[in-house]
Amino acid sequence: MTQRVDLSTVMDRISIDAVITGYAVAVDDGEWADYQALFTSDGRADYRTAGGIEGPASEVAQWLSQTMLLFPVRQHLIVNRRLDLQDLGGYPGDGAQVQADYMNPMRLGNDTGNAGNAEGTAPPTAPNFVSGGRYAFDLVRTDSGWRIRGVTVHEKWRSMTGALAAG
C-alpha cells in the first residue's frame, strides 16, 4: 500500500465517523432534515427491534419526529465503533460497514411523578427510558461524500422509570 492509499483510508475513516456522529446528533437534536441528508436517496432504517418501524429514511424520519416529541431530553451515545472498509485488492472501495454499540437515555417532557418540590427546585434529570444495543450501518461513498444506505437497530435491553414504568 502506498502512502496515498493509507491517507485515503484514514480520510475515509474520519468521514465515516463524522456520518455516524452526525446521525446521533440529528436524532438527539430533532434535526430531521439533517437526519435524512445522512442517507442515500434509497436509504432505509430499521427500528423494529426497538418497537419502531422499518422503511425509507424519509418515512422513518417522520415517525421519529412524532415519537421523539415524548422525549424532549435525549442524549444518544454511539461507542465501540468497528469499521470495515471495502477492500479492492489493497485499495479502498466505495462501501463500508460499521457496527457500533449505543446507549440512549431519554427523559419525558411532562413526568409529573418527578416534578420539583414546593420550594421550586428543579425536577431530577435522571432518564425515564434508557435502551442499549448495537447498530449495523451500511454506508456507500457518493459524490456528496459517505452516506448511509441502511441502518438496523438491534436493541438488547431497556429500562424504564417513573410514569413509563408505572404504565
N, C-alpha and C. Protein backbone atom coordinates (compact mmCIF):
# COMPACT_ATOMS: atom_id res chain seq x y z
N MET A 1 0.84 -1.18 0.00
CA MET A 1 0.00 0.00 0.00
C MET A 1 0.88 1.24 0.00
N THR A 2 0.46 2.23 -0.72
CA THR A 2 1.22 3.47 -0.78
C THR A 2 0.74 4.43 0.31
N GLN A 3 1.56 5.45 0.52
CA GLN A 3 1.14 6.46 1.50
C GLN A 3 -0.16 7.13 1.07
N ARG A 4 -0.35 7.30 -0.24
CA ARG A 4 -1.57 7.94 -0.74
C ARG A 4 -2.79 7.09 -0.40
N VAL A 5 -2.68 5.76 -0.55
CA VAL A 5 -3.79 4.86 -0.21
C VAL A 5 -4.02 4.88 1.30
N ASP A 6 -2.93 4.86 2.07
CA ASP A 6 -3.07 4.92 3.53
C ASP A 6 -3.79 6.20 3.96
N LEU A 7 -3.41 7.33 3.37
CA LEU A 7 -4.04 8.60 3.70
C LEU A 7 -5.52 8.59 3.30
N SER A 8 -5.81 8.04 2.15
CA SER A 8 -7.20 7.95 1.70
C SER A 8 -8.03 7.11 2.67
N THR A 9 -7.47 6.02 3.15
CA THR A 9 -8.17 5.16 4.11
C THR A 9 -8.43 5.91 5.41
N VAL A 10 -7.45 6.64 5.90
CA VAL A 10 -7.62 7.43 7.12
C VAL A 10 -8.71 8.49 6.91
N MET A 11 -8.69 9.15 5.77
CA MET A 11 -9.70 10.18 5.49
C MET A 11 -11.09 9.55 5.40
N ASP A 12 -11.20 8.35 4.80
CA ASP A 12 -12.49 7.66 4.75
C ASP A 12 -12.99 7.36 6.16
N ARG A 13 -12.10 6.87 7.01
CA ARG A 13 -12.50 6.53 8.38
C ARG A 13 -12.99 7.77 9.13
N ILE A 14 -12.30 8.88 8.95
CA ILE A 14 -12.72 10.12 9.62
C ILE A 14 -14.08 10.57 9.08
N SER A 15 -14.26 10.50 7.77
CA SER A 15 -15.52 10.92 7.16
C SER A 15 -16.68 10.03 7.61
N ILE A 16 -16.45 8.73 7.67
CA ILE A 16 -17.49 7.80 8.11
C ILE A 16 -17.83 8.05 9.57
N ASP A 17 -16.82 8.29 10.39
CA ASP A 17 -17.07 8.59 11.80
C ASP A 17 -17.93 9.85 11.94
N ALA A 18 -17.69 10.84 11.09
CA ALA A 18 -18.49 12.07 11.13
C ALA A 18 -19.95 11.78 10.77
N VAL A 19 -20.19 10.86 9.85
CA VAL A 19 -21.56 10.50 9.48
C VAL A 19 -22.26 9.83 10.67
N ILE A 20 -21.56 8.90 11.33
CA ILE A 20 -22.16 8.19 12.46
C ILE A 20 -22.44 9.15 13.62
N THR A 21 -21.51 10.04 13.89
CA THR A 21 -21.73 11.05 14.93
C THR A 21 -22.87 11.98 14.53
N GLY A 22 -22.92 12.37 13.27
CA GLY A 22 -24.00 13.22 12.78
C GLY A 22 -25.36 12.57 12.95
N TYR A 23 -25.41 11.27 12.79
CA TYR A 23 -26.64 10.50 12.98
C TYR A 23 -27.14 10.67 14.42
N ALA A 24 -26.26 10.46 15.39
CA ALA A 24 -26.65 10.58 16.80
C ALA A 24 -27.08 12.01 17.13
N VAL A 25 -26.34 12.98 16.66
CA VAL A 25 -26.66 14.38 16.94
C VAL A 25 -27.99 14.77 16.31
N ALA A 26 -28.24 14.33 15.08
CA ALA A 26 -29.50 14.67 14.41
C ALA A 26 -30.70 14.11 15.18
N VAL A 27 -30.58 12.89 15.66
CA VAL A 27 -31.69 12.29 16.43
C VAL A 27 -31.86 13.03 17.76
N ASP A 28 -30.76 13.29 18.45
CA ASP A 28 -30.85 13.98 19.75
C ASP A 28 -31.42 15.39 19.63
N ASP A 29 -31.03 16.09 18.57
CA ASP A 29 -31.46 17.48 18.41
C ASP A 29 -32.77 17.61 17.63
N GLY A 30 -33.30 16.48 17.17
CA GLY A 30 -34.55 16.53 16.40
C GLY A 30 -34.39 17.24 15.07
N GLU A 31 -33.22 17.14 14.49
CA GLU A 31 -32.94 17.78 13.19
C GLU A 31 -33.21 16.75 12.09
N TRP A 32 -34.47 16.63 11.70
CA TRP A 32 -34.87 15.53 10.81
C TRP A 32 -34.43 15.75 9.38
N ALA A 33 -34.26 16.98 8.95
CA ALA A 33 -33.70 17.22 7.62
C ALA A 33 -32.24 16.79 7.60
N ASP A 34 -31.51 17.07 8.68
CA ASP A 34 -30.11 16.62 8.78
C ASP A 34 -30.03 15.10 8.81
N TYR A 35 -30.96 14.48 9.52
CA TYR A 35 -31.03 13.01 9.58
C TYR A 35 -31.19 12.44 8.17
N GLN A 36 -32.16 12.96 7.43
CA GLN A 36 -32.41 12.46 6.08
C GLN A 36 -31.22 12.71 5.15
N ALA A 37 -30.52 13.82 5.34
CA ALA A 37 -29.37 14.15 4.48
C ALA A 37 -28.21 13.18 4.67
N LEU A 38 -28.20 12.44 5.77
CA LEU A 38 -27.14 11.46 6.01
C LEU A 38 -27.31 10.18 5.20
N PHE A 39 -28.49 10.01 4.60
CA PHE A 39 -28.82 8.79 3.88
C PHE A 39 -28.72 8.99 2.37
N THR A 40 -28.50 7.89 1.67
CA THR A 40 -28.61 7.91 0.21
C THR A 40 -30.08 8.10 -0.14
N SER A 41 -30.36 8.42 -1.39
CA SER A 41 -31.75 8.64 -1.80
C SER A 41 -32.62 7.41 -1.60
N ASP A 42 -32.01 6.22 -1.64
CA ASP A 42 -32.76 4.98 -1.41
C ASP A 42 -32.48 4.39 -0.03
N GLY A 43 -31.89 5.20 0.87
CA GLY A 43 -31.52 4.73 2.20
C GLY A 43 -32.72 4.30 3.04
N ARG A 44 -32.46 3.30 3.89
CA ARG A 44 -33.53 2.74 4.73
C ARG A 44 -33.04 2.64 6.17
N ALA A 45 -33.99 2.62 7.09
CA ALA A 45 -33.70 2.45 8.51
C ALA A 45 -34.68 1.43 9.08
N ASP A 46 -34.18 0.62 10.01
CA ASP A 46 -34.98 -0.44 10.61
C ASP A 46 -34.88 -0.35 12.13
N TYR A 47 -35.96 0.11 12.76
CA TYR A 47 -36.02 0.27 14.21
C TYR A 47 -36.96 -0.77 14.84
N ARG A 48 -37.29 -1.83 14.13
CA ARG A 48 -38.30 -2.76 14.61
C ARG A 48 -37.93 -3.44 15.93
N THR A 49 -36.65 -3.77 16.17
CA THR A 49 -36.32 -4.43 17.44
C THR A 49 -36.46 -3.49 18.63
N ALA A 50 -36.56 -2.19 18.36
CA ALA A 50 -36.76 -1.20 19.43
C ALA A 50 -38.20 -0.71 19.47
N GLY A 51 -39.10 -1.46 18.85
CA GLY A 51 -40.51 -1.11 18.86
C GLY A 51 -40.91 -0.12 17.80
N GLY A 52 -40.05 0.12 16.82
CA GLY A 52 -40.32 1.11 15.80
C GLY A 52 -40.71 0.52 14.46
N ILE A 53 -40.37 1.24 13.42
CA ILE A 53 -40.75 0.86 12.07
C ILE A 53 -39.51 0.61 11.22
N GLU A 54 -39.75 0.09 10.01
CA GLU A 54 -38.70 -0.09 9.01
C GLU A 54 -39.21 0.54 7.74
N GLY A 55 -38.32 1.24 7.03
CA GLY A 55 -38.74 1.83 5.77
C GLY A 55 -37.73 2.83 5.25
N PRO A 56 -38.13 3.56 4.22
CA PRO A 56 -37.26 4.61 3.68
C PRO A 56 -36.91 5.64 4.76
N ALA A 57 -35.71 6.19 4.66
CA ALA A 57 -35.26 7.14 5.68
C ALA A 57 -36.22 8.30 5.86
N SER A 58 -36.85 8.75 4.79
CA SER A 58 -37.79 9.87 4.91
C SER A 58 -39.01 9.49 5.76
N GLU A 59 -39.53 8.28 5.59
CA GLU A 59 -40.67 7.82 6.40
C GLU A 59 -40.25 7.60 7.85
N VAL A 60 -39.07 7.05 8.05
CA VAL A 60 -38.59 6.80 9.41
C VAL A 60 -38.34 8.14 10.11
N ALA A 61 -37.81 9.11 9.39
CA ALA A 61 -37.59 10.44 9.98
C ALA A 61 -38.92 11.06 10.43
N GLN A 62 -39.96 10.89 9.64
CA GLN A 62 -41.28 11.39 10.01
C GLN A 62 -41.78 10.69 11.27
N TRP A 63 -41.63 9.38 11.33
CA TRP A 63 -42.04 8.60 12.50
C TRP A 63 -41.24 9.06 13.73
N LEU A 64 -39.92 9.20 13.58
CA LEU A 64 -39.09 9.65 14.69
C LEU A 64 -39.49 11.04 15.16
N SER A 65 -39.81 11.92 14.22
CA SER A 65 -40.18 13.30 14.60
C SER A 65 -41.40 13.32 15.51
N GLN A 66 -42.32 12.39 15.31
CA GLN A 66 -43.50 12.31 16.17
C GLN A 66 -43.21 11.56 17.47
N THR A 67 -42.51 10.46 17.37
CA THR A 67 -42.20 9.63 18.54
C THR A 67 -41.33 10.38 19.55
N MET A 68 -40.35 11.11 19.06
CA MET A 68 -39.41 11.78 19.95
C MET A 68 -40.00 13.00 20.64
N LEU A 69 -41.21 13.42 20.24
CA LEU A 69 -41.88 14.50 20.95
C LEU A 69 -42.12 14.11 22.42
N LEU A 70 -42.27 12.81 22.68
CA LEU A 70 -42.46 12.34 24.05
C LEU A 70 -41.23 12.57 24.91
N PHE A 71 -40.07 12.61 24.27
CA PHE A 71 -38.79 12.68 24.98
C PHE A 71 -37.99 13.89 24.52
N PRO A 72 -38.30 15.08 25.02
CA PRO A 72 -37.55 16.26 24.59
C PRO A 72 -36.10 16.26 25.07
N VAL A 73 -35.78 15.44 26.07
CA VAL A 73 -34.42 15.35 26.56
C VAL A 73 -33.88 13.97 26.18
N ARG A 74 -32.84 13.98 25.35
CA ARG A 74 -32.22 12.73 24.93
C ARG A 74 -30.75 12.96 24.64
N GLN A 75 -29.96 11.94 24.93
CA GLN A 75 -28.53 12.03 24.69
C GLN A 75 -28.05 10.67 24.20
N HIS A 76 -28.00 10.55 22.94
CA HIS A 76 -27.72 9.34 22.21
C HIS A 76 -26.21 9.13 22.13
N LEU A 77 -25.71 8.05 22.66
CA LEU A 77 -24.27 7.79 22.67
C LEU A 77 -23.97 6.58 21.79
N ILE A 78 -23.08 6.74 20.83
CA ILE A 78 -22.68 5.64 19.95
C ILE A 78 -21.20 5.40 20.18
N VAL A 79 -20.87 4.18 20.62
CA VAL A 79 -19.50 3.86 21.03
C VAL A 79 -19.06 2.51 20.44
N ASN A 80 -17.80 2.16 20.68
CA ASN A 80 -17.24 0.87 20.25
C ASN A 80 -17.49 0.62 18.77
N ARG A 81 -17.12 1.58 17.97
CA ARG A 81 -17.35 1.51 16.52
C ARG A 81 -16.34 0.57 15.88
N ARG A 82 -16.85 -0.39 15.13
CA ARG A 82 -16.00 -1.30 14.35
C ARG A 82 -16.30 -1.07 12.89
N LEU A 83 -15.31 -0.59 12.16
CA LEU A 83 -15.47 -0.18 10.78
C LEU A 83 -14.74 -1.13 9.85
N ASP A 84 -15.44 -1.63 8.84
CA ASP A 84 -14.84 -2.45 7.80
C ASP A 84 -15.04 -1.75 6.48
N LEU A 85 -13.93 -1.26 5.91
CA LEU A 85 -13.98 -0.64 4.59
C LEU A 85 -13.85 -1.72 3.52
N GLN A 86 -14.58 -1.54 2.45
CA GLN A 86 -14.46 -2.45 1.31
C GLN A 86 -13.00 -2.44 0.84
N ASP A 87 -12.45 -3.62 0.59
CA ASP A 87 -11.07 -3.75 0.16
C ASP A 87 -11.04 -4.29 -1.27
N LEU A 88 -10.50 -3.50 -2.17
CA LEU A 88 -10.38 -3.91 -3.57
C LEU A 88 -8.91 -4.23 -3.86
N GLY A 89 -8.45 -5.35 -3.31
CA GLY A 89 -7.07 -5.77 -3.55
C GLY A 89 -6.04 -4.79 -3.04
N GLY A 90 -6.24 -4.29 -1.84
CA GLY A 90 -5.29 -3.35 -1.24
C GLY A 90 -5.68 -1.90 -1.41
N TYR A 91 -6.75 -1.65 -2.12
CA TYR A 91 -7.23 -0.29 -2.32
C TYR A 91 -8.62 -0.17 -1.74
N PRO A 92 -8.95 1.00 -1.15
CA PRO A 92 -10.28 1.15 -0.56
C PRO A 92 -11.36 1.24 -1.64
N GLY A 93 -12.48 0.60 -1.37
CA GLY A 93 -13.62 0.66 -2.27
C GLY A 93 -14.59 1.73 -1.84
N ASP A 94 -15.81 1.62 -2.35
CA ASP A 94 -16.82 2.63 -2.08
C ASP A 94 -17.90 2.16 -1.13
N GLY A 95 -17.63 1.11 -0.36
CA GLY A 95 -18.59 0.61 0.61
C GLY A 95 -17.95 0.41 1.97
N ALA A 96 -18.76 0.46 3.00
CA ALA A 96 -18.27 0.26 4.36
C ALA A 96 -19.40 -0.25 5.24
N GLN A 97 -19.03 -1.04 6.24
CA GLN A 97 -19.98 -1.48 7.26
C GLN A 97 -19.42 -1.05 8.61
N VAL A 98 -20.34 -0.57 9.45
CA VAL A 98 -19.97 -0.17 10.80
C VAL A 98 -20.92 -0.85 11.77
N GLN A 99 -20.35 -1.52 12.76
CA GLN A 99 -21.13 -2.00 13.90
C GLN A 99 -20.73 -1.13 15.08
N ALA A 100 -21.71 -0.62 15.78
CA ALA A 100 -21.43 0.27 16.89
C ALA A 100 -22.47 0.07 17.98
N ASP A 101 -22.01 0.02 19.21
CA ASP A 101 -22.92 -0.09 20.35
C ASP A 101 -23.51 1.28 20.66
N TYR A 102 -24.70 1.25 21.24
CA TYR A 102 -25.32 2.52 21.62
C TYR A 102 -25.96 2.40 22.99
N MET A 103 -26.07 3.54 23.64
CA MET A 103 -26.88 3.69 24.84
C MET A 103 -27.67 4.98 24.63
N ASN A 104 -28.96 4.91 24.89
CA ASN A 104 -29.84 6.02 24.57
C ASN A 104 -30.71 6.39 25.78
N PRO A 105 -30.21 7.28 26.66
CA PRO A 105 -31.06 7.75 27.76
C PRO A 105 -31.96 8.89 27.28
N MET A 106 -33.22 8.83 27.71
CA MET A 106 -34.20 9.86 27.32
C MET A 106 -35.07 10.21 28.53
N ARG A 107 -35.62 11.41 28.52
CA ARG A 107 -36.47 11.88 29.61
C ARG A 107 -37.78 12.41 29.05
N LEU A 108 -38.87 12.02 29.69
CA LEU A 108 -40.19 12.51 29.30
C LEU A 108 -40.28 14.02 29.50
N GLY A 109 -41.13 14.65 28.72
CA GLY A 109 -41.32 16.10 28.83
C GLY A 109 -42.13 16.49 30.04
N ASN A 110 -43.17 15.73 30.37
CA ASN A 110 -44.06 16.07 31.47
C ASN A 110 -44.15 14.91 32.45
N ASP A 111 -43.05 14.57 33.05
CA ASP A 111 -43.05 13.46 34.01
C ASP A 111 -43.43 14.03 35.37
N THR A 112 -44.74 14.10 35.65
CA THR A 112 -45.23 14.70 36.89
C THR A 112 -44.84 13.89 38.12
N GLY A 113 -44.48 12.62 37.92
CA GLY A 113 -44.06 11.81 39.05
C GLY A 113 -42.71 12.24 39.60
N ASN A 114 -41.98 13.07 38.86
CA ASN A 114 -40.67 13.54 39.30
C ASN A 114 -40.60 15.06 39.30
N ALA A 115 -41.73 15.72 39.52
CA ALA A 115 -41.77 17.19 39.50
C ALA A 115 -40.98 17.75 40.67
N GLY A 116 -40.61 19.01 40.54
CA GLY A 116 -39.88 19.68 41.60
C GLY A 116 -40.73 19.81 42.86
N ASN A 117 -40.09 20.16 43.97
CA ASN A 117 -40.82 20.26 45.23
C ASN A 117 -41.40 21.67 45.42
N ALA A 118 -42.02 21.89 46.53
CA ALA A 118 -42.71 23.16 46.81
C ALA A 118 -41.75 24.35 46.84
N GLU A 119 -40.49 24.11 47.15
CA GLU A 119 -39.52 25.21 47.19
C GLU A 119 -39.10 25.66 45.79
N GLY A 120 -39.62 24.99 44.76
CA GLY A 120 -39.33 25.41 43.41
C GLY A 120 -38.03 24.84 42.85
N THR A 121 -37.47 23.83 43.50
CA THR A 121 -36.24 23.25 42.95
C THR A 121 -36.56 22.49 41.67
N ALA A 122 -35.59 22.36 40.84
CA ALA A 122 -35.78 21.70 39.54
C ALA A 122 -36.04 20.21 39.72
N PRO A 123 -36.77 19.64 38.79
CA PRO A 123 -37.01 18.19 38.85
C PRO A 123 -35.72 17.43 38.58
N PRO A 124 -35.65 16.18 39.00
CA PRO A 124 -34.47 15.38 38.73
C PRO A 124 -34.26 15.25 37.22
N THR A 125 -33.03 15.03 36.83
CA THR A 125 -32.72 14.92 35.41
C THR A 125 -32.44 13.48 34.99
N ALA A 126 -32.66 12.53 35.89
CA ALA A 126 -32.43 11.13 35.54
C ALA A 126 -33.37 10.72 34.41
N PRO A 127 -32.91 9.85 33.54
CA PRO A 127 -33.78 9.46 32.42
C PRO A 127 -34.94 8.58 32.87
N ASN A 128 -36.03 8.65 32.11
CA ASN A 128 -37.18 7.77 32.33
C ASN A 128 -37.06 6.50 31.49
N PHE A 129 -36.29 6.58 30.43
CA PHE A 129 -36.18 5.48 29.49
C PHE A 129 -34.73 5.40 29.02
N VAL A 130 -34.14 4.23 29.14
CA VAL A 130 -32.78 4.01 28.65
C VAL A 130 -32.79 2.70 27.90
N SER A 131 -32.22 2.71 26.72
CA SER A 131 -32.07 1.46 25.98
C SER A 131 -30.65 1.35 25.47
N GLY A 132 -30.26 0.13 25.18
CA GLY A 132 -28.93 -0.11 24.67
C GLY A 132 -28.95 -1.24 23.67
N GLY A 133 -27.98 -1.23 22.81
CA GLY A 133 -27.89 -2.28 21.81
C GLY A 133 -26.79 -2.00 20.83
N ARG A 134 -27.01 -2.45 19.61
CA ARG A 134 -25.98 -2.31 18.57
C ARG A 134 -26.63 -1.87 17.26
N TYR A 135 -25.97 -0.93 16.61
CA TYR A 135 -26.34 -0.51 15.26
C TYR A 135 -25.52 -1.28 14.24
N ALA A 136 -26.12 -1.55 13.11
CA ALA A 136 -25.40 -2.05 11.94
C ALA A 136 -25.65 -1.05 10.82
N PHE A 137 -24.60 -0.32 10.45
CA PHE A 137 -24.68 0.68 9.39
C PHE A 137 -24.07 0.12 8.11
N ASP A 138 -24.71 0.37 6.99
CA ASP A 138 -24.17 0.06 5.68
C ASP A 138 -24.01 1.41 4.98
N LEU A 139 -22.78 1.75 4.63
CA LEU A 139 -22.51 3.06 4.04
C LEU A 139 -21.93 2.91 2.64
N VAL A 140 -22.10 3.96 1.86
CA VAL A 140 -21.58 3.98 0.50
C VAL A 140 -21.02 5.37 0.21
N ARG A 141 -19.94 5.37 -0.56
CA ARG A 141 -19.35 6.65 -0.97
C ARG A 141 -20.18 7.21 -2.13
N THR A 142 -20.59 8.46 -2.03
CA THR A 142 -21.36 9.11 -3.08
C THR A 142 -20.59 10.35 -3.55
N ASP A 143 -21.10 11.04 -4.54
CA ASP A 143 -20.48 12.29 -4.99
C ASP A 143 -20.49 13.35 -3.89
N SER A 144 -21.42 13.20 -2.94
CA SER A 144 -21.53 14.14 -1.82
C SER A 144 -20.81 13.67 -0.57
N GLY A 145 -20.07 12.58 -0.67
CA GLY A 145 -19.38 12.02 0.49
C GLY A 145 -20.04 10.73 0.93
N TRP A 146 -19.63 10.22 2.08
CA TRP A 146 -20.18 8.98 2.61
C TRP A 146 -21.61 9.20 3.07
N ARG A 147 -22.49 8.24 2.75
CA ARG A 147 -23.88 8.30 3.16
C ARG A 147 -24.32 6.93 3.64
N ILE A 148 -25.37 6.92 4.46
CA ILE A 148 -25.92 5.67 4.99
C ILE A 148 -26.89 5.09 3.96
N ARG A 149 -26.63 3.86 3.57
CA ARG A 149 -27.57 3.15 2.69
C ARG A 149 -28.60 2.41 3.52
N GLY A 150 -28.17 1.99 4.71
CA GLY A 150 -29.09 1.31 5.61
C GLY A 150 -28.54 1.30 7.02
N VAL A 151 -29.45 1.34 7.98
CA VAL A 151 -29.10 1.19 9.38
C VAL A 151 -30.15 0.31 10.03
N THR A 152 -29.67 -0.65 10.81
CA THR A 152 -30.55 -1.54 11.55
C THR A 152 -30.21 -1.44 13.03
N VAL A 153 -31.24 -1.24 13.84
CA VAL A 153 -31.08 -1.17 15.29
C VAL A 153 -31.32 -2.58 15.85
N HIS A 154 -30.39 -3.03 16.68
CA HIS A 154 -30.54 -4.30 17.38
C HIS A 154 -30.58 -3.99 18.88
N GLU A 155 -31.78 -3.66 19.38
CA GLU A 155 -31.91 -3.34 20.80
C GLU A 155 -31.65 -4.60 21.62
N LYS A 156 -30.83 -4.48 22.66
CA LYS A 156 -30.51 -5.61 23.54
C LYS A 156 -31.18 -5.50 24.90
N TRP A 157 -31.43 -4.27 25.36
CA TRP A 157 -32.03 -4.09 26.68
C TRP A 157 -32.68 -2.72 26.76
N ARG A 158 -33.55 -2.59 27.76
CA ARG A 158 -34.16 -1.29 28.05
C ARG A 158 -34.56 -1.25 29.52
N SER A 159 -34.62 -0.03 30.05
CA SER A 159 -35.03 0.20 31.44
C SER A 159 -35.94 1.42 31.46
N MET A 160 -37.01 1.33 32.26
CA MET A 160 -37.96 2.44 32.35
C MET A 160 -38.20 2.79 33.81
N THR A 161 -38.39 4.07 34.08
CA THR A 161 -38.69 4.53 35.43
C THR A 161 -39.84 5.52 35.38
N GLY A 162 -40.28 5.96 36.53
CA GLY A 162 -41.33 6.98 36.62
C GLY A 162 -42.63 6.55 35.96
N ALA A 163 -43.22 7.47 35.22
CA ALA A 163 -44.51 7.24 34.58
C ALA A 163 -44.46 6.08 33.59
N LEU A 164 -43.32 5.88 32.94
CA LEU A 164 -43.21 4.78 31.96
C LEU A 164 -43.26 3.42 32.66
N ALA A 165 -42.57 3.30 33.77
CA ALA A 165 -42.54 2.01 34.48
C ALA A 165 -43.91 1.69 35.07
N ALA A 166 -44.62 2.72 35.51
CA ALA A 166 -45.93 2.52 36.10
C ALA A 166 -46.96 2.08 35.06
N GLY A 167 -46.77 2.54 33.82
CA GLY A 167 -47.72 2.24 32.75
C GLY A 167 -47.47 0.90 32.18
